N, C-alpha and C. Protein backbone atom coordinates (compact mmCIF):
# COMPACT_ATOMS: atom_id res chain seq x y z
N MET A 1 91.33 101.91 100.26
CA MET A 1 90.28 102.62 99.55
C MET A 1 90.85 103.94 99.05
N SER A 2 90.60 104.24 97.82
CA SER A 2 91.16 105.45 97.23
C SER A 2 90.29 106.66 97.58
N PRO A 3 90.89 107.85 97.57
CA PRO A 3 90.10 109.07 97.82
C PRO A 3 89.02 109.29 96.78
N LEU A 4 89.24 108.83 95.55
CA LEU A 4 88.22 108.99 94.52
C LEU A 4 86.97 108.19 94.85
N LEU A 5 87.14 106.98 95.36
CA LEU A 5 86.00 106.16 95.74
C LEU A 5 85.24 106.79 96.91
N SER A 6 85.97 107.34 97.87
CA SER A 6 85.33 108.03 98.99
C SER A 6 84.53 109.24 98.50
N PHE A 7 85.09 109.97 97.55
CA PHE A 7 84.39 111.13 97.01
C PHE A 7 83.14 110.71 96.25
N ILE A 8 83.19 109.60 95.55
CA ILE A 8 82.01 109.09 94.84
C ILE A 8 80.92 108.69 95.83
N ILE A 9 81.30 108.09 96.95
CA ILE A 9 80.32 107.73 97.98
C ILE A 9 79.71 108.97 98.60
N VAL A 10 80.51 110.03 98.78
CA VAL A 10 79.96 111.31 99.27
C VAL A 10 78.90 111.82 98.30
N LEU A 11 79.20 111.78 97.01
CA LEU A 11 78.23 112.24 96.01
C LEU A 11 76.97 111.38 96.00
N ILE A 12 77.11 110.08 96.20
CA ILE A 12 75.94 109.20 96.28
C ILE A 12 75.07 109.57 97.48
N GLY A 13 75.69 109.84 98.62
CA GLY A 13 74.94 110.25 99.80
C GLY A 13 74.23 111.57 99.61
N ILE A 14 74.88 112.53 98.97
CA ILE A 14 74.25 113.83 98.72
C ILE A 14 73.11 113.69 97.71
N TYR A 15 73.31 112.87 96.68
CA TYR A 15 72.24 112.62 95.71
C TYR A 15 71.03 111.98 96.39
N GLY A 16 71.27 111.01 97.26
CA GLY A 16 70.17 110.38 97.98
C GLY A 16 69.46 111.36 98.90
N LEU A 17 70.20 112.28 99.47
CA LEU A 17 69.61 113.29 100.34
C LEU A 17 68.73 114.25 99.55
N VAL A 18 69.16 114.59 98.35
CA VAL A 18 68.39 115.52 97.52
C VAL A 18 67.09 114.90 97.04
N ILE A 19 67.11 113.63 96.63
CA ILE A 19 65.91 113.02 96.07
C ILE A 19 65.02 112.35 97.12
N SER A 20 65.46 112.27 98.35
CA SER A 20 64.71 111.57 99.38
C SER A 20 63.50 112.39 99.82
N LYS A 21 62.36 111.71 99.97
CA LYS A 21 61.15 112.35 100.46
C LYS A 21 60.78 111.88 101.86
N ASN A 22 61.55 110.94 102.39
CA ASN A 22 61.28 110.36 103.70
C ASN A 22 62.36 110.82 104.67
N ILE A 23 61.96 111.09 105.90
CA ILE A 23 62.92 111.58 106.90
C ILE A 23 63.95 110.50 107.24
N ILE A 24 63.52 109.26 107.37
CA ILE A 24 64.44 108.18 107.71
C ILE A 24 65.48 107.98 106.61
N LYS A 25 65.03 108.03 105.36
CA LYS A 25 65.97 107.91 104.24
C LYS A 25 66.95 109.07 104.22
N SER A 26 66.50 110.25 104.60
CA SER A 26 67.41 111.40 104.67
C SER A 26 68.47 111.21 105.75
N ILE A 27 68.07 110.64 106.87
CA ILE A 27 69.02 110.37 107.96
C ILE A 27 70.05 109.34 107.51
N VAL A 28 69.61 108.29 106.81
CA VAL A 28 70.53 107.27 106.31
C VAL A 28 71.51 107.87 105.29
N CYS A 29 71.01 108.73 104.41
CA CYS A 29 71.89 109.37 103.42
C CYS A 29 72.91 110.29 104.09
N LEU A 30 72.50 110.98 105.14
CA LEU A 30 73.46 111.80 105.89
C LEU A 30 74.54 110.93 106.53
N ASN A 31 74.16 109.75 107.03
CA ASN A 31 75.14 108.84 107.61
C ASN A 31 76.09 108.29 106.56
N ILE A 32 75.59 108.01 105.37
CA ILE A 32 76.47 107.56 104.28
C ILE A 32 77.48 108.65 103.94
N THR A 33 77.00 109.88 103.85
CA THR A 33 77.90 111.00 103.54
C THR A 33 78.94 111.19 104.64
N GLN A 34 78.51 111.11 105.88
CA GLN A 34 79.45 111.28 107.00
C GLN A 34 80.51 110.18 107.00
N THR A 35 80.12 108.95 106.76
CA THR A 35 81.07 107.85 106.73
C THR A 35 82.08 108.01 105.60
N ALA A 36 81.61 108.45 104.45
CA ALA A 36 82.52 108.66 103.32
C ALA A 36 83.49 109.80 103.59
N VAL A 37 83.03 110.85 104.26
CA VAL A 37 83.94 111.96 104.60
C VAL A 37 84.99 111.50 105.61
N ILE A 38 84.59 110.67 106.56
CA ILE A 38 85.55 110.13 107.53
C ILE A 38 86.60 109.28 106.81
N LEU A 39 86.16 108.43 105.88
CA LEU A 39 87.11 107.62 105.11
C LEU A 39 88.03 108.50 104.27
N LEU A 40 87.50 109.58 103.73
CA LEU A 40 88.31 110.50 102.94
C LEU A 40 89.40 111.15 103.79
N PHE A 41 89.05 111.60 104.98
CA PHE A 41 90.04 112.20 105.87
C PHE A 41 91.09 111.18 106.31
N LEU A 42 90.67 109.95 106.57
CA LEU A 42 91.63 108.93 106.96
C LEU A 42 92.56 108.56 105.81
N ASN A 43 92.06 108.61 104.58
CA ASN A 43 92.93 108.37 103.42
C ASN A 43 93.96 109.47 103.27
N PHE A 44 93.56 110.71 103.51
CA PHE A 44 94.51 111.81 103.38
C PHE A 44 95.57 111.80 104.48
N GLY A 45 95.23 111.25 105.65
CA GLY A 45 96.18 111.22 106.75
C GLY A 45 97.05 109.97 106.78
N ASN A 46 96.97 109.12 105.76
CA ASN A 46 97.69 107.85 105.74
C ASN A 46 98.99 107.97 104.95
N LEU A 47 100.02 107.30 105.41
CA LEU A 47 101.27 107.16 104.67
C LEU A 47 101.41 105.71 104.21
N SER A 48 101.96 105.51 103.03
CA SER A 48 102.06 104.14 102.53
C SER A 48 103.08 103.32 103.32
N ASP A 49 104.21 103.92 103.69
CA ASP A 49 105.22 103.22 104.48
C ASP A 49 105.32 103.78 105.88
N GLY A 50 104.20 104.24 106.43
CA GLY A 50 104.22 104.89 107.73
C GLY A 50 104.38 103.91 108.87
N ASN A 51 105.06 104.36 109.91
CA ASN A 51 105.26 103.56 111.11
C ASN A 51 104.38 104.08 112.23
N ILE A 52 104.07 103.20 113.16
CA ILE A 52 103.29 103.59 114.33
C ILE A 52 104.20 104.39 115.25
N PRO A 53 103.79 105.57 115.73
CA PRO A 53 104.69 106.40 116.52
C PRO A 53 105.02 105.83 117.90
N ILE A 54 104.25 104.91 118.41
CA ILE A 54 104.51 104.36 119.74
C ILE A 54 105.59 103.29 119.70
N ILE A 55 105.59 102.47 118.66
CA ILE A 55 106.50 101.32 118.61
C ILE A 55 107.89 101.72 118.09
N HIS A 56 107.94 102.49 117.03
CA HIS A 56 109.21 102.81 116.40
C HIS A 56 109.85 104.05 117.04
N ASP A 57 111.18 103.98 117.21
CA ASP A 57 111.89 105.09 117.81
C ASP A 57 112.33 106.14 116.79
N SER A 58 112.41 105.77 115.54
CA SER A 58 112.86 106.73 114.53
C SER A 58 111.75 107.72 114.21
N SER A 59 112.16 108.92 113.84
CA SER A 59 111.18 109.96 113.53
C SER A 59 110.94 110.07 112.03
N ILE A 60 111.31 109.05 111.27
CA ILE A 60 111.12 109.06 109.83
C ILE A 60 109.88 108.22 109.49
N ASN A 61 109.02 108.75 108.65
CA ASN A 61 107.81 108.08 108.18
C ASN A 61 106.88 107.66 109.32
N ILE A 62 106.60 108.58 110.21
CA ILE A 62 105.66 108.30 111.29
C ILE A 62 104.28 108.81 110.88
N VAL A 63 103.27 107.98 111.08
CA VAL A 63 101.90 108.35 110.76
C VAL A 63 101.39 109.29 111.86
N ASP A 64 100.76 110.37 111.44
CA ASP A 64 100.21 111.34 112.38
C ASP A 64 98.92 110.77 113.00
N PRO A 65 98.86 110.65 114.34
CA PRO A 65 97.66 110.07 114.96
C PRO A 65 96.51 111.07 115.12
N LEU A 66 96.74 112.35 114.84
CA LEU A 66 95.70 113.35 115.03
C LEU A 66 94.47 113.14 114.13
N PRO A 67 94.62 112.86 112.83
CA PRO A 67 93.41 112.62 112.02
C PRO A 67 92.59 111.43 112.51
N GLN A 68 93.26 110.39 113.00
CA GLN A 68 92.54 109.23 113.51
C GLN A 68 91.75 109.59 114.77
N ALA A 69 92.36 110.38 115.65
CA ALA A 69 91.67 110.79 116.88
C ALA A 69 90.49 111.70 116.55
N LEU A 70 90.66 112.58 115.59
CA LEU A 70 89.56 113.46 115.21
C LEU A 70 88.42 112.68 114.56
N MET A 71 88.74 111.67 113.79
CA MET A 71 87.69 110.88 113.13
C MET A 71 86.95 109.99 114.13
N ILE A 72 87.64 109.51 115.16
CA ILE A 72 86.94 108.77 116.22
C ILE A 72 85.95 109.69 116.93
N THR A 73 86.37 110.93 117.17
CA THR A 73 85.47 111.91 117.76
C THR A 73 84.29 112.20 116.84
N ALA A 74 84.53 112.29 115.54
CA ALA A 74 83.45 112.52 114.57
C ALA A 74 82.48 111.36 114.54
N ILE A 75 82.98 110.14 114.69
CA ILE A 75 82.10 108.96 114.71
C ILE A 75 81.19 108.99 115.94
N VAL A 76 81.74 109.33 117.08
CA VAL A 76 80.94 109.38 118.32
C VAL A 76 79.88 110.48 118.22
N ILE A 77 80.27 111.65 117.75
CA ILE A 77 79.31 112.75 117.62
C ILE A 77 78.25 112.40 116.57
N GLY A 78 78.66 111.79 115.46
CA GLY A 78 77.71 111.41 114.43
C GLY A 78 76.70 110.38 114.89
N SER A 79 77.15 109.42 115.68
CA SER A 79 76.20 108.42 116.18
C SER A 79 75.22 109.04 117.18
N SER A 80 75.69 110.00 117.97
CA SER A 80 74.78 110.68 118.90
C SER A 80 73.75 111.51 118.16
N ILE A 81 74.18 112.22 117.12
CA ILE A 81 73.25 113.02 116.34
C ILE A 81 72.26 112.13 115.59
N THR A 82 72.72 110.98 115.11
CA THR A 82 71.82 110.04 114.43
C THR A 82 70.76 109.52 115.39
N ALA A 83 71.16 109.16 116.59
CA ALA A 83 70.19 108.67 117.58
C ALA A 83 69.17 109.76 117.92
N LEU A 84 69.64 110.99 118.09
CA LEU A 84 68.75 112.09 118.40
C LEU A 84 67.79 112.38 117.25
N SER A 85 68.29 112.34 116.02
CA SER A 85 67.42 112.60 114.87
C SER A 85 66.40 111.49 114.68
N LEU A 86 66.76 110.25 114.97
CA LEU A 86 65.78 109.16 114.88
C LEU A 86 64.70 109.30 115.95
N ILE A 87 65.08 109.74 117.14
CA ILE A 87 64.09 109.96 118.20
C ILE A 87 63.15 111.10 117.81
N ILE A 88 63.69 112.16 117.24
CA ILE A 88 62.86 113.28 116.80
C ILE A 88 61.94 112.85 115.66
N SER A 89 62.44 111.99 114.77
CA SER A 89 61.57 111.52 113.68
C SER A 89 60.43 110.65 114.21
N ILE A 90 60.67 109.90 115.27
CA ILE A 90 59.60 109.11 115.89
C ILE A 90 58.54 110.05 116.48
N LYS A 91 59.00 111.11 117.12
CA LYS A 91 58.06 112.09 117.69
C LYS A 91 57.27 112.79 116.59
N ILE A 92 57.92 113.10 115.47
CA ILE A 92 57.22 113.72 114.34
C ILE A 92 56.17 112.77 113.79
N PHE A 93 56.51 111.49 113.69
CA PHE A 93 55.53 110.51 113.18
C PHE A 93 54.33 110.39 114.11
N HIS A 94 54.58 110.39 115.41
CA HIS A 94 53.47 110.27 116.36
C HIS A 94 52.57 111.51 116.33
N TYR A 95 53.17 112.66 116.10
CA TYR A 95 52.39 113.91 116.12
C TYR A 95 51.67 114.16 114.80
N TYR A 96 52.36 113.96 113.67
CA TYR A 96 51.77 114.26 112.36
C TYR A 96 51.25 113.03 111.62
N GLY A 97 51.71 111.85 111.95
CA GLY A 97 51.25 110.65 111.28
C GLY A 97 51.94 110.34 109.96
N THR A 98 53.00 111.07 109.63
CA THR A 98 53.72 110.83 108.38
C THR A 98 55.19 111.23 108.56
N LEU A 99 56.03 110.67 107.72
CA LEU A 99 57.44 111.04 107.69
C LEU A 99 57.84 111.60 106.33
N ASN A 100 56.85 111.95 105.51
CA ASN A 100 57.09 112.51 104.19
C ASN A 100 57.34 114.01 104.33
N TRP A 101 58.46 114.48 103.76
CA TRP A 101 58.81 115.90 103.85
C TRP A 101 57.76 116.78 103.21
N GLU A 102 57.24 116.39 102.06
CA GLU A 102 56.29 117.22 101.33
C GLU A 102 54.96 117.36 102.10
N LYS A 103 54.48 116.29 102.68
CA LYS A 103 53.24 116.37 103.45
C LYS A 103 53.42 117.20 104.70
N LEU A 104 54.58 117.11 105.32
CA LEU A 104 54.82 117.92 106.52
C LEU A 104 54.90 119.40 106.18
N LEU A 105 55.51 119.73 105.05
CA LEU A 105 55.57 121.13 104.65
C LEU A 105 54.22 121.67 104.21
N GLU A 106 53.36 120.81 103.65
CA GLU A 106 52.01 121.24 103.29
C GLU A 106 51.19 121.55 104.52
N ARG A 107 51.35 120.78 105.57
CA ARG A 107 50.60 121.02 106.80
C ARG A 107 51.03 122.29 107.52
N GLU A 108 52.30 122.60 107.42
CA GLU A 108 52.81 123.80 108.09
C GLU A 108 52.57 125.07 107.29
N GLY A 109 52.40 124.94 105.96
CA GLY A 109 52.28 126.10 105.07
C GLY A 109 50.91 126.61 104.94
C-alpha cells in the first residue's frame, strides 16, 4: 500500500468525522483515521529489500522493528479507547435518548 493511499484514507476519515451527526459514526470515522495513520507509519518504516534482524547476521538492509512495536501499541490503545467511547455512547443514549450531536448540544445549551 502506498503512502498516498494511506493519506487519502486519512482524509476520508476526517471528512466523515466533520460531516457526521451521529456519535457512533464519529467513532467509526476516528477508527478509520487511526488505521490509516498506522498504515502510513508502517509504510514509512518499511524497506523494499529489508531483512528481518533476528534471522540475518549482516547489518545491511535491516528493517527497524521499532515502528512495528509502536504501531502494535497504538492498535491496543486505540481498541481500548474505542471500547470506552462505545460504552460512554451507550450511557449517553440511555440518559438523553439520542446519539445526535446537534440534539445533545441543544439540550445542554
